Amino acid sequence: MTTHFITAEIDLQESPVQLQKEIEAELQKQGEPLRWAVTNVDTQKQTAQVEAIVTVANTTSNQE
């Protein structure tokens, strides 16, 4: 298992619950989120910048 630092730009949603679901769905595309934070909001573009740490399972196994 490896960890990766990623950033994502998410469109703002009408409610905080919808925004959280959208963020988690986008992060799931990259791996299993360990933690994430909204680090910037662009009100003109109506987007939120998210930084996250995700884990990704290794595709090779070293077990014999």
N, C-alpha and C. Protein backbone atom coordinates (compact mmCIF):
# COMPACT_ATOMS: atom_id res chain seq x y z
N MET A 1 0.84 -1.16 0.00
CA MET A 1 0.00 0.00 0.00
C MET A 1 0.90 1.23 0.00
N THR A 2 0.54 2.20 -0.83
CA THR A 2 1.29 3.44 -0.88
C THR A 2 0.36 4.62 -0.62
N THR A 3 0.93 5.72 -0.17
CA THR A 3 0.13 6.93 0.03
C THR A 3 0.53 7.97 -1.00
N HIS A 4 -0.44 8.79 -1.37
CA HIS A 4 -0.22 9.84 -2.36
C HIS A 4 -0.87 11.12 -1.89
N PHE A 5 -0.21 12.24 -2.16
CA PHE A 5 -0.78 13.56 -1.92
C PHE A 5 -1.41 14.01 -3.22
N ILE A 6 -2.68 14.38 -3.19
CA ILE A 6 -3.36 14.81 -4.42
C ILE A 6 -4.08 16.13 -4.17
N THR A 7 -4.37 16.81 -5.25
CA THR A 7 -5.22 18.00 -5.21
C THR A 7 -6.34 17.80 -6.21
N ALA A 8 -7.48 18.38 -5.91
CA ALA A 8 -8.63 18.28 -6.81
C ALA A 8 -9.40 19.59 -6.77
N GLU A 9 -10.03 19.92 -7.88
CA GLU A 9 -10.89 21.09 -7.94
C GLU A 9 -12.32 20.59 -8.05
N ILE A 10 -13.17 21.00 -7.13
CA ILE A 10 -14.53 20.52 -7.03
C ILE A 10 -15.49 21.69 -7.22
N ASP A 11 -16.54 21.49 -8.02
CA ASP A 11 -17.57 22.52 -8.14
C ASP A 11 -18.31 22.64 -6.83
N LEU A 12 -18.57 23.88 -6.42
CA LEU A 12 -19.33 24.10 -5.19
C LEU A 12 -20.75 23.56 -5.35
N GLN A 13 -21.29 23.03 -4.28
CA GLN A 13 -22.62 22.44 -4.27
C GLN A 13 -23.56 23.34 -3.47
N GLU A 14 -24.85 23.03 -3.55
CA GLU A 14 -25.84 23.86 -2.87
C GLU A 14 -25.82 23.69 -1.36
N SER A 15 -25.35 22.55 -0.86
CA SER A 15 -25.32 22.33 0.59
C SER A 15 -23.99 21.72 0.99
N PRO A 16 -23.58 21.90 2.24
CA PRO A 16 -22.34 21.29 2.72
C PRO A 16 -22.34 19.77 2.62
N VAL A 17 -23.49 19.14 2.83
CA VAL A 17 -23.58 17.67 2.74
C VAL A 17 -23.31 17.22 1.31
N GLN A 18 -23.89 17.92 0.34
CA GLN A 18 -23.66 17.58 -1.07
C GLN A 18 -22.20 17.81 -1.45
N LEU A 19 -21.61 18.89 -0.93
CA LEU A 19 -20.21 19.17 -1.22
C LEU A 19 -19.31 18.06 -0.68
N GLN A 20 -19.56 17.63 0.55
CA GLN A 20 -18.77 16.56 1.14
C GLN A 20 -18.88 15.27 0.32
N LYS A 21 -20.07 14.92 -0.11
CA LYS A 21 -20.26 13.71 -0.93
C LYS A 21 -19.53 13.83 -2.25
N GLU A 22 -19.57 15.01 -2.87
CA GLU A 22 -18.88 15.22 -4.15
C GLU A 22 -17.37 15.11 -3.97
N ILE A 23 -16.84 15.69 -2.90
CA ILE A 23 -15.41 15.60 -2.62
C ILE A 23 -14.99 14.16 -2.41
N GLU A 24 -15.71 13.43 -1.58
CA GLU A 24 -15.37 12.03 -1.30
C GLU A 24 -15.46 11.16 -2.55
N ALA A 25 -16.45 11.41 -3.39
CA ALA A 25 -16.58 10.64 -4.64
C ALA A 25 -15.40 10.90 -5.57
N GLU A 26 -14.99 12.16 -5.67
CA GLU A 26 -13.85 12.50 -6.53
C GLU A 26 -12.56 11.89 -6.00
N LEU A 27 -12.37 11.92 -4.68
CA LEU A 27 -11.15 11.35 -4.10
C LEU A 27 -11.11 9.84 -4.24
N GLN A 28 -12.25 9.18 -4.18
CA GLN A 28 -12.31 7.72 -4.33
C GLN A 28 -11.77 7.28 -5.70
N LYS A 29 -11.85 8.15 -6.69
CA LYS A 29 -11.31 7.84 -8.02
C LYS A 29 -9.79 7.67 -7.97
N GLN A 30 -9.14 8.30 -6.99
CA GLN A 30 -7.68 8.28 -6.88
C GLN A 30 -7.17 7.26 -5.87
N GLY A 31 -8.03 6.81 -4.97
CA GLY A 31 -7.63 5.87 -3.93
C GLY A 31 -8.55 6.00 -2.73
N GLU A 32 -8.14 5.43 -1.61
CA GLU A 32 -8.93 5.51 -0.38
C GLU A 32 -8.48 6.72 0.42
N PRO A 33 -9.36 7.73 0.58
CA PRO A 33 -8.95 8.94 1.30
C PRO A 33 -8.66 8.67 2.78
N LEU A 34 -7.52 9.13 3.25
CA LEU A 34 -7.20 9.08 4.67
C LEU A 34 -7.65 10.36 5.35
N ARG A 35 -7.35 11.48 4.70
CA ARG A 35 -7.76 12.78 5.20
C ARG A 35 -7.76 13.77 4.06
N TRP A 36 -8.58 14.77 4.18
CA TRP A 36 -8.64 15.80 3.15
C TRP A 36 -9.07 17.12 3.78
N ALA A 37 -8.79 18.22 3.06
CA ALA A 37 -9.17 19.55 3.53
C ALA A 37 -9.44 20.45 2.33
N VAL A 38 -10.43 21.32 2.48
CA VAL A 38 -10.66 22.37 1.50
C VAL A 38 -9.65 23.47 1.82
N THR A 39 -8.78 23.79 0.86
CA THR A 39 -7.71 24.75 1.11
C THR A 39 -7.94 26.10 0.45
N ASN A 40 -8.90 26.17 -0.48
CA ASN A 40 -9.19 27.44 -1.14
C ASN A 40 -10.57 27.36 -1.77
N VAL A 41 -11.27 28.48 -1.76
CA VAL A 41 -12.57 28.58 -2.44
C VAL A 41 -12.50 29.75 -3.39
N ASP A 42 -12.81 29.49 -4.66
CA ASP A 42 -12.86 30.54 -5.68
C ASP A 42 -14.33 30.87 -5.91
N THR A 43 -14.78 32.00 -5.36
CA THR A 43 -16.19 32.35 -5.46
C THR A 43 -16.59 32.76 -6.88
N GLN A 44 -15.65 33.28 -7.65
CA GLN A 44 -15.97 33.67 -9.02
C GLN A 44 -16.19 32.44 -9.90
N LYS A 45 -15.32 31.45 -9.77
CA LYS A 45 -15.46 30.21 -10.55
C LYS A 45 -16.37 29.19 -9.89
N GLN A 46 -16.76 29.45 -8.62
CA GLN A 46 -17.61 28.56 -7.85
C GLN A 46 -16.98 27.17 -7.71
N THR A 47 -15.68 27.16 -7.33
CA THR A 47 -14.97 25.90 -7.12
C THR A 47 -14.25 25.91 -5.78
N ALA A 48 -13.98 24.72 -5.29
CA ALA A 48 -13.22 24.54 -4.07
C ALA A 48 -11.98 23.72 -4.40
N GLN A 49 -10.83 24.15 -3.88
CA GLN A 49 -9.58 23.41 -4.03
C GLN A 49 -9.46 22.47 -2.84
N VAL A 50 -9.23 21.19 -3.10
CA VAL A 50 -9.14 20.19 -2.04
C VAL A 50 -7.76 19.54 -2.11
N GLU A 51 -7.11 19.39 -0.96
CA GLU A 51 -5.86 18.65 -0.85
C GLU A 51 -6.13 17.43 0.00
N ALA A 52 -5.56 16.28 -0.41
CA ALA A 52 -5.88 15.04 0.28
C ALA A 52 -4.70 14.09 0.29
N ILE A 53 -4.73 13.18 1.24
CA ILE A 53 -3.83 12.04 1.30
C ILE A 53 -4.69 10.81 1.05
N VAL A 54 -4.33 10.02 0.04
CA VAL A 54 -5.06 8.79 -0.27
C VAL A 54 -4.10 7.61 -0.26
N THR A 55 -4.64 6.43 0.02
CA THR A 55 -3.84 5.21 -0.07
C THR A 55 -4.27 4.44 -1.31
N VAL A 56 -3.29 3.78 -1.91
CA VAL A 56 -3.53 2.97 -3.10
C VAL A 56 -2.92 1.60 -2.85
N ALA A 57 -3.69 0.55 -3.08
CA ALA A 57 -3.18 -0.81 -2.91
C ALA A 57 -2.14 -1.09 -3.99
N ASN A 58 -1.07 -1.79 -3.59
CA ASN A 58 -0.06 -2.19 -4.57
C ASN A 58 -0.64 -3.25 -5.48
N THR A 59 -0.25 -3.19 -6.75
CA THR A 59 -0.78 -4.15 -7.72
C THR A 59 0.03 -5.43 -7.76
N THR A 60 1.23 -5.42 -7.18
CA THR A 60 2.05 -6.63 -7.17
C THR A 60 2.15 -7.14 -5.74
N SER A 61 2.27 -8.43 -5.61
CA SER A 61 2.39 -9.03 -4.29
C SER A 61 3.76 -9.66 -4.16
N ASN A 62 4.38 -9.44 -3.01
CA ASN A 62 5.69 -10.02 -2.74
C ASN A 62 5.61 -11.31 -1.95
N GLN A 63 4.41 -11.82 -1.74
CA GLN A 63 4.23 -13.05 -0.97
C GLN A 63 4.47 -14.26 -1.85
N GLU A 64 5.16 -15.25 -1.31
CA GLU A 64 5.41 -16.50 -2.06
C GLU A 64 4.90 -17.66 -1.28
